[in-house]
Amino acid sequence: MREIERKYLVSDDAFIGQAHSATRIAQGYLCARRVTARVRVYGDVGYITFKGKSRDGGLSRFEFERQIPLRCAELLLSRCNGKVEKVRYLVEYEGYTWEVDVFEGDNEGLVVAEVELPDTECNAPLPAWIWKEVTSDYHYRNSYLVKRPYKSWFE
């Protein structure tokens, strides 16, 4: 399956009042080379995901994701070198579902919104709380934030 999404920094917390759900996420990376292998605990459900490299600045890439038993996900997560912890808010805006991640721990202070798109030419309408697009900036990828957390950027 091909994932097409744009990623943005968020200017304020106005999205919280518009969110229809909020779920705690912990995720780690088993490898992050040509293919990224990620394990995630999303609420009380486990997932394993494989993502290919993007050839268009982060806009689209191959993604394969499957649900796995929660105990397996927790065990795999405990074997990862570092993890990203966040709360994901889902916000509906003009026919699109926005995933807004409020990071915790070593990435506290970072808030990133993503929107999945039907094709690479599509531009979703932007809510007022969107600040700046960072789709092509690898610094905002979760796999990078495990290695170099947001708080360390300011040291």
C-alpha atoms as a PDB file:
ATOM      1  CA  MET A   1       0.000   0.000   0.000  1.00  0.00           C
ATOM      2  CA  ARG A   2       1.236   3.495  -0.774  1.00  0.00           C
ATOM      3  CA  GLU A   3       0.952   6.105   1.969  1.00  0.00           C
ATOM      4  CA  ILE A   4       0.601   9.722   0.853  1.00  0.00           C
ATOM      5  CA  GLU A   5       0.669  12.357   3.565  1.00  0.00           C
ATOM      6  CA  ARG A   6       1.719  15.899   4.360  1.00  0.00           C
ATOM      7  CA  LYS A   7       3.196  16.892   7.715  1.00  0.00           C
ATOM      8  CA  TYR A   8       2.942  20.273   9.460  1.00  0.00           C
ATOM      9  CA  LEU A   9       3.967  22.009  12.652  1.00  0.00           C
ATOM     10  CA  VAL A  10       1.070  23.246  14.764  1.00  0.00           C
ATOM     11  CA  SER A  11       0.792  26.859  15.990  1.00  0.00           C
ATOM     12  CA  ASP A  12      -1.492  26.438  19.012  1.00  0.00           C
ATOM     13  CA  ASP A  13      -3.716  23.967  20.862  1.00  0.00           C
ATOM     14  CA  ALA A  14      -7.044  24.995  19.269  1.00  0.00           C
ATOM     15  CA  PHE A  15      -7.228  21.515  17.676  1.00  0.00           C
ATOM     16  CA  ILE A  16      -7.907  19.924  21.091  1.00  0.00           C
ATOM     17  CA  GLY A  17     -11.438  21.351  21.203  1.00  0.00           C
ATOM     18  CA  GLN A  18     -12.085  19.976  17.706  1.00  0.00           C
ATOM     19  CA  ALA A  19     -10.692  16.472  18.354  1.00  0.00           C
ATOM     20  CA  HIS A  20     -13.042  13.486  18.501  1.00  0.00           C
ATOM     21  CA  SER A  21     -10.478  11.182  20.132  1.00  0.00           C
ATOM     22  CA  ALA A  22      -7.134  11.153  21.895  1.00  0.00           C
ATOM     23  CA  THR A  23      -4.999   8.004  22.164  1.00  0.00           C
ATOM     24  CA  ARG A  24      -1.662   7.400  23.862  1.00  0.00           C
ATOM     25  CA  ILE A  25       1.031   5.944  21.579  1.00  0.00           C
ATOM     26  CA  ALA A  26       4.455   4.466  22.307  1.00  0.00           C
ATOM     27  CA  GLN A  27       6.585   3.378  19.386  1.00  0.00           C
ATOM     28  CA  GLY A  28      10.106   2.243  18.694  1.00  0.00           C
ATOM     29  CA  TYR A  29      12.167   1.192  15.712  1.00  0.00           C
ATOM     30  CA  LEU A  30      13.610  -2.243  15.059  1.00  0.00           C
ATOM     31  CA  CYS A  31      15.583  -0.885  12.098  1.00  0.00           C
ATOM     32  CA  ALA A  32      15.591   2.324  10.081  1.00  0.00           C
ATOM     33  CA  ARG A  33      17.649   1.824   6.955  1.00  0.00           C
ATOM     34  CA  ARG A  34      16.307   1.083   3.469  1.00  0.00           C
ATOM     35  CA  VAL A  35      13.092  -0.140   5.078  1.00  0.00           C
ATOM     36  CA  THR A  36      11.943   1.160   8.437  1.00  0.00           C
ATOM     37  CA  ALA A  37      10.488  -1.454  10.795  1.00  0.00           C
ATOM     38  CA  ARG A  38       8.367   0.106  13.532  1.00  0.00           C
ATOM     39  CA  VAL A  39       6.545  -1.426  16.482  1.00  0.00           C
ATOM     40  CA  ARG A  40       3.744   0.560  18.072  1.00  0.00           C
ATOM     41  CA  VAL A  41       1.392   0.304  21.010  1.00  0.00           C
ATOM     42  CA  TYR A  42      -1.638   2.402  20.064  1.00  0.00           C
ATOM     43  CA  GLY A  43      -3.852   2.559  23.121  1.00  0.00           C
ATOM     44  CA  ASP A  44      -4.264  -1.127  23.942  1.00  0.00           C
ATOM     45  CA  VAL A  45      -3.511  -2.506  20.456  1.00  0.00           C
ATOM     46  CA  GLY A  46      -0.144  -3.570  19.005  1.00  0.00           C
ATOM     47  CA  TYR A  47       1.053  -2.977  15.437  1.00  0.00           C
ATOM     48  CA  ILE A  48       4.105  -3.706  13.364  1.00  0.00           C
ATOM     49  CA  THR A  49       4.766  -1.517  10.344  1.00  0.00           C
ATOM     50  CA  PHE A  50       7.267  -1.570   7.505  1.00  0.00           C
ATOM     51  CA  LYS A  51       7.835   1.639   5.546  1.00  0.00           C
ATOM     52  CA  GLY A  52       9.947   2.111   2.452  1.00  0.00           C
ATOM     53  CA  LYS A  53      12.063   5.116   1.570  1.00  0.00           C
ATOM     54  CA  SER A  54      10.361   8.104   0.013  1.00  0.00           C
ATOM     55  CA  ARG A  55      11.450   9.190  -3.458  1.00  0.00           C
ATOM     56  CA  ASP A  56       9.528  12.465  -3.451  1.00  0.00           C
ATOM     57  CA  GLY A  57      10.675  14.364  -0.390  1.00  0.00           C
ATOM     58  CA  GLY A  58       8.619  12.436   2.153  1.00  0.00           C
ATOM     59  CA  LEU A  59       5.244  12.926   0.466  1.00  0.00           C
ATOM     60  CA  SER A  60       4.643   9.248  -0.330  1.00  0.00           C
ATOM     61  CA  ARG A  61       6.128   5.834   0.383  1.00  0.00           C
ATOM     62  CA  PHE A  62       5.313   2.146   0.612  1.00  0.00           C
ATOM     63  CA  GLU A  63       3.704   1.104   3.909  1.00  0.00           C
ATOM     64  CA  PHE A  64       2.697  -2.316   5.214  1.00  0.00           C
ATOM     65  CA  GLU A  65       1.038  -2.448   8.639  1.00  0.00           C
ATOM     66  CA  ARG A  66      -0.499  -5.315  10.587  1.00  0.00           C
ATOM     67  CA  GLN A  67      -2.039  -5.649  14.000  1.00  0.00           C
ATOM     68  CA  ILE A  68      -0.107  -7.962  16.343  1.00  0.00           C
ATOM     69  CA  PRO A  69      -0.882  -9.183  19.868  1.00  0.00           C
ATOM     70  CA  LEU A  70      -0.371  -6.441  22.463  1.00  0.00           C
ATOM     71  CA  ARG A  71       2.067  -8.584  24.478  1.00  0.00           C
ATOM     72  CA  CYS A  72       4.242  -9.108  21.385  1.00  0.00           C
ATOM     73  CA  ALA A  73       4.246  -5.374  20.637  1.00  0.00           C
ATOM     74  CA  GLU A  74       5.214  -4.560  24.230  1.00  0.00           C
ATOM     75  CA  LEU A  75       8.015  -7.132  24.159  1.00  0.00           C
ATOM     76  CA  LEU A  76       9.371  -5.805  20.845  1.00  0.00           C
ATOM     77  CA  LEU A  77       9.086  -2.231  22.104  1.00  0.00           C
ATOM     78  CA  SER A  78      11.133  -3.123  25.178  1.00  0.00           C
ATOM     79  CA  ARG A  79      13.929  -4.310  22.845  1.00  0.00           C
ATOM     80  CA  CYS A  80      14.092  -1.039  20.890  1.00  0.00           C
ATOM     81  CA  ASN A  81      16.815   1.524  21.522  1.00  0.00           C
ATOM     82  CA  GLY A  82      14.628   4.414  22.589  1.00  0.00           C
ATOM     83  CA  LYS A  83      11.025   5.153  21.854  1.00  0.00           C
ATOM     84  CA  VAL A  84       8.716   8.004  21.001  1.00  0.00           C
ATOM     85  CA  GLU A  85       5.766   8.695  23.270  1.00  0.00           C
ATOM     86  CA  LYS A  86       2.878  10.923  22.287  1.00  0.00           C
ATOM     87  CA  VAL A  87      -0.842  11.511  22.437  1.00  0.00           C
ATOM     88  CA  ARG A  88      -2.573  11.429  19.052  1.00  0.00           C
ATOM     89  CA  TYR A  89      -5.655  13.564  18.540  1.00  0.00           C
ATOM     90  CA  LEU A  90      -7.929  12.884  15.562  1.00  0.00           C
ATOM     91  CA  VAL A  91      -9.568  15.977  14.095  1.00  0.00           C
ATOM     92  CA  GLU A  92     -12.028  16.062  11.192  1.00  0.00           C
ATOM     93  CA  TYR A  93     -11.667  19.152   9.037  1.00  0.00           C
ATOM     94  CA  GLU A  94     -13.405  19.740   5.703  1.00  0.00           C
ATOM     95  CA  GLY A  95     -13.565  16.054   4.786  1.00  0.00           C
ATOM     96  CA  TYR A  96     -10.048  15.122   5.945  1.00  0.00           C
ATOM     97  CA  THR A  97      -8.892  13.397   9.122  1.00  0.00           C
ATOM     98  CA  TRP A  98      -5.936  15.152  10.726  1.00  0.00           C
ATOM     99  CA  GLU A  99      -3.684  13.234  13.126  1.00  0.00           C
ATOM    100  CA  VAL A 100      -2.177  15.681  15.598  1.00  0.00           C
ATOM    101  CA  ASP A 101       0.654  14.255  17.712  1.00  0.00           C
ATOM    102  CA  VAL A 102       1.531  15.964  20.992  1.00  0.00           C
ATOM    103  CA  PHE A 103       4.903  14.535  21.951  1.00  0.00           C
ATOM    104  CA  GLU A 104       5.948  13.694  25.494  1.00  0.00           C
ATOM    105  CA  GLY A 105       9.174  12.813  27.303  1.00  0.00           C
ATOM    106  CA  ASP A 106      12.348  13.857  25.474  1.00  0.00           C
ATOM    107  CA  ASN A 107      10.247  15.234  22.601  1.00  0.00           C
ATOM    108  CA  GLU A 108       7.939  17.327  24.793  1.00  0.00           C
ATOM    109  CA  GLY A 109       7.092  20.673  23.216  1.00  0.00           C
ATOM    110  CA  LEU A 110       6.787  19.293  19.701  1.00  0.00           C
ATOM    111  CA  VAL A 111       3.323  19.159  18.104  1.00  0.00           C
ATOM    112  CA  VAL A 112       3.018  17.795  14.556  1.00  0.00           C
ATOM    113  CA  ALA A 113      -0.082  17.302  12.389  1.00  0.00           C
ATOM    114  CA  GLU A 114      -0.352  14.885   9.456  1.00  0.00           C
ATOM    115  CA  VAL A 115      -3.052  14.444   6.870  1.00  0.00           C
ATOM    116  CA  GLU A 116      -3.313  11.458   4.516  1.00  0.00           C
ATOM    117  CA  LEU A 117      -4.173  12.283   0.933  1.00  0.00           C
ATOM    118  CA  PRO A 118      -5.703  10.314  -1.962  1.00  0.00           C
ATOM    119  CA  ASP A 119      -2.907  11.337  -4.379  1.00  0.00           C
ATOM    120  CA  THR A 120       0.264  13.418  -4.538  1.00  0.00           C
ATOM    121  CA  GLU A 121      -1.454  16.298  -6.348  1.00  0.00           C
ATOM    122  CA  CYS A 122      -4.075  16.774  -3.622  1.00  0.00           C
ATOM    123  CA  ASN A 123      -3.795  19.645  -1.154  1.00  0.00           C
ATOM    124  CA  ALA A 124      -6.098  19.390   1.853  1.00  0.00           C
ATOM    125  CA  PRO A 125      -7.596  22.618   3.204  1.00  0.00           C
ATOM    126  CA  LEU A 126      -5.515  23.759   6.186  1.00  0.00           C
ATOM    127  CA  PRO A 127      -7.073  24.385   9.598  1.00  0.00           C
ATOM    128  CA  ALA A 128      -6.215  27.726  11.270  1.00  0.00           C
ATOM    129  CA  TRP A 129      -3.926  25.978  13.773  1.00  0.00           C
ATOM    130  CA  ILE A 130      -1.516  24.757  11.074  1.00  0.00           C
ATOM    131  CA  TRP A 131       1.713  26.760  11.048  1.00  0.00           C
ATOM    132  CA  LYS A 132       4.423  25.409   8.714  1.00  0.00           C
ATOM    133  CA  GLU A 133       4.809  22.425   6.370  1.00  0.00           C
ATOM    134  CA  VAL A 134       7.656  20.043   7.258  1.00  0.00           C
ATOM    135  CA  THR A 135       6.820  17.087   4.984  1.00  0.00           C
ATOM    136  CA  SER A 136      10.297  16.948   3.460  1.00  0.00           C
ATOM    137  CA  ASP A 137      12.222  17.731   6.673  1.00  0.00           C
ATOM    138  CA  TYR A 138      13.550  14.437   8.072  1.00  0.00           C
ATOM    139  CA  HIS A 139      14.092  16.040  11.508  1.00  0.00           C
ATOM    140  CA  TYR A 140      10.366  15.659  12.181  1.00  0.00           C
ATOM    141  CA  ARG A 141      10.212  11.942  11.378  1.00  0.00           C
ATOM    142  CA  ASN A 142       9.593   9.794  14.423  1.00  0.00           C
ATOM    143  CA  SER A 143      12.533   7.547  13.537  1.00  0.00           C
ATOM    144  CA  TYR A 144      14.812  10.613  13.752  1.00  0.00           C
ATOM    145  CA  LEU A 145      13.231  11.821  17.005  1.00  0.00           C
ATOM    146  CA  VAL A 146      14.190   8.509  18.658  1.00  0.00           C
ATOM    147  CA  LYS A 147      17.879   9.168  17.856  1.00  0.00           C
ATOM    148  CA  ARG A 148      17.887  12.935  18.381  1.00  0.00           C
ATOM    149  CA  PRO A 149      14.957  14.031  20.573  1.00  0.00           C
ATOM    150  CA  TYR A 150      13.400  17.454  20.110  1.00  0.00           C
ATOM    151  CA  LYS A 151      14.606  18.760  23.497  1.00  0.00           C
ATOM    152  CA  SER A 152      18.244  18.115  22.450  1.00  0.00           C
ATOM    153  CA  TRP A 153      17.867  20.503  19.491  1.00  0.00           C
ATOM    154  CA  PHE A 154      18.102  23.451  21.879  1.00  0.00           C
ATOM    155  CA  GLU A 155      21.140  22.391  23.930  1.00  0.00           C
END
